C-alpha atoms as a PDB file:
ATOM      1  CA  GLU A   1    -132.054  12.127   7.046  1.00  0.00           C
ATOM      2  CA  ALA A   2    -131.988  13.924  10.280  1.00  0.00           C
ATOM      3  CA  TYR A   3    -129.808  12.739  12.853  1.00  0.00           C
ATOM      4  CA  GLY A   4    -128.822  14.178  16.699  1.00  0.00           C
ATOM      5  CA  TRP A   5    -131.151  15.908  18.852  1.00  0.00           C
ATOM      6  CA  LYS A   6    -134.647  16.745  17.997  1.00  0.00           C
ATOM      7  CA  ARG A   7    -136.496  18.942  20.281  1.00  0.00           C
ATOM      8  CA  VAL A   8    -140.133  17.673  21.189  1.00  0.00           C
ATOM      9  CA  ASN A   9    -143.034  19.321  23.378  1.00  0.00           C
ATOM     10  CA  LYS A  10    -143.987  16.167  25.284  1.00  0.00           C
ATOM     11  CA  PRO A  11    -141.284  14.262  27.010  1.00  0.00           C
ATOM     12  CA  GLU A  12    -140.775  10.228  26.721  1.00  0.00           C
ATOM     13  CA  LYS A  13    -138.134   7.729  28.358  1.00  0.00           C
ATOM     14  CA  PHE A  14    -134.958   8.816  28.061  1.00  0.00           C
ATOM     15  CA  ASP A  15    -135.630  12.346  26.967  1.00  0.00           C
ATOM     16  CA  VAL A  16    -133.218  15.195  28.101  1.00  0.00           C
ATOM     17  CA  ILE A  17    -134.966  17.940  29.656  1.00  0.00           C
ATOM     18  CA  THR A  18    -133.062  21.299  29.833  1.00  0.00           C
ATOM     19  CA  MET A  19    -134.064  24.032  32.432  1.00  0.00           C
ATOM     20  CA  SER A  20    -133.226  27.586  33.812  1.00  0.00           C
ATOM     21  CA  LEU A  21    -133.130  27.124  37.707  1.00  0.00           C
ATOM     22  CA  GLY A  22    -133.018  30.477  39.799  1.00  0.00           C
ATOM     23  CA  SER A  23    -132.765  33.858  38.477  1.00  0.00           C
ATOM     24  CA  THR A  24    -130.947  33.077  35.410  1.00  0.00           C
ATOM     25  CA  ASN A  25    -132.504  33.213  31.842  1.00  0.00           C
ATOM     26  CA  VAL A  26    -129.627  30.636  30.508  1.00  0.00           C
ATOM     27  CA  THR A  27    -129.918  26.732  30.774  1.00  0.00           C
ATOM     28  CA  ASN A  28    -128.075  25.923  33.790  1.00  0.00           C
ATOM     29  CA  HIS A  29    -129.500  22.442  34.625  1.00  0.00           C
ATOM     30  CA  CYS A  30    -130.736  19.279  32.760  1.00  0.00           C
ATOM     31  CA  ALA A  31    -132.349  15.853  33.672  1.00  0.00           C
ATOM     32  CA  LEU A  32    -133.469  12.505  32.197  1.00  0.00           C
ATOM     33  CA  TYR A  33    -136.921  11.834  32.014  1.00  0.00           C
ATOM     34  CA  VAL A  34    -137.658   8.367  33.039  1.00  0.00           C
ATOM     35  CA  ASP A  35    -141.277   7.904  32.961  1.00  0.00           C
ATOM     36  CA  ASN A  36    -144.781   8.677  34.856  1.00  0.00           C
ATOM     37  CA  ASP A  37    -143.599  12.338  35.525  1.00  0.00           C
ATOM     38  CA  LYS A  38    -140.524  11.137  37.043  1.00  0.00           C
ATOM     39  CA  ILE A  39    -136.661  12.552  36.224  1.00  0.00           C
ATOM     40  CA  LEU A  40    -133.566  11.602  37.031  1.00  0.00           C
ATOM     41  CA  GLN A  41    -131.318  14.165  38.840  1.00  0.00           C
ATOM     42  CA  THR A  42    -127.391  14.242  39.095  1.00  0.00           C
ATOM     43  CA  MET A  43    -125.226  16.667  40.252  1.00  0.00           C
ATOM     44  CA  ILE A  44    -121.375  16.576  41.157  1.00  0.00           C
ATOM     45  CA  ASP A  45    -120.696  15.333  44.494  1.00  0.00           C
ATOM     46  CA  ARG A  46    -124.104  13.991  45.057  1.00  0.00           C
ATOM     47  CA  GLN A  47    -126.068  10.941  44.798  1.00  0.00           C
ATOM     48  CA  SER A  48    -128.192  10.872  41.718  1.00  0.00           C
ATOM     49  CA  TRP A  49    -131.897  10.670  42.763  1.00  0.00           C
ATOM     50  CA  LEU A  50    -135.529  10.588  41.515  1.00  0.00           C
ATOM     51  CA  ALA A  51    -137.771  13.836  41.402  1.00  0.00           C
ATOM     52  CA  PRO A  52    -141.113  14.462  40.240  1.00  0.00           C
ATOM     53  CA  TYR A  53    -141.664  16.387  37.012  1.00  0.00           C
ATOM     54  CA  GLY A  54    -144.380  18.237  38.381  1.00  0.00           C
ATOM     55  CA  ARG A  55    -145.132  22.158  38.292  1.00  0.00           C
ATOM     56  CA  TYR A  56    -141.835  23.582  39.515  1.00  0.00           C
ATOM     57  CA  TYR A  57    -139.551  21.632  37.127  1.00  0.00           C
ATOM     58  CA  LYS A  58    -142.176  22.309  34.401  1.00  0.00           C
ATOM     59  CA  THR A  59    -142.122  26.054  35.098  1.00  0.00           C
ATOM     60  CA  TYR A  60    -138.273  26.328  34.534  1.00  0.00           C
ATOM     61  CA  THR A  61    -138.198  23.995  31.434  1.00  0.00           C
ATOM     62  CA  ILE A  62    -136.369  25.629  28.667  1.00  0.00           C
ATOM     63  CA  GLY A  63    -136.423  22.428  26.168  1.00  0.00           C
ATOM     64  CA  ILE A  64    -137.317  18.836  25.776  1.00  0.00           C
ATOM     65  CA  PHE A  65    -134.565  16.935  23.398  1.00  0.00           C
ATOM     66  CA  ARG A  66    -134.939  13.393  22.070  1.00  0.00           C
ATOM     67  CA  TRP A  67    -131.811  11.611  20.598  1.00  0.00           C
ATOM     68  CA  ILE A  68    -132.799  10.417  17.287  1.00  0.00           C
ATOM     69  CA  GLY A  69    -129.622   8.947  15.947  1.00  0.00           C
ATOM     70  CA  MET A  70    -126.318   9.286  14.060  1.00  0.00           C
ATOM     71  CA  SER A  71    -125.428   9.505  10.589  1.00  0.00           C
ATOM     72  CA  ASN A  72    -123.444   6.591   9.262  1.00  0.00           C
END
């Protein structure tokens, strides 16, 4: 039985989206997909905020991951 994180192609509620923002080719940011093309952003020393998951963030998306559970 599979468990842990599963890579998916299209985000659904509560999926984690990893991104490479800026001029780097490594994952340096992640956000939580909340629904209706909106993501929850968080940063140290800043208040969390909702942002549109549109062209900008989609361009820098490295992967979309869904939690499918833990083994017993």
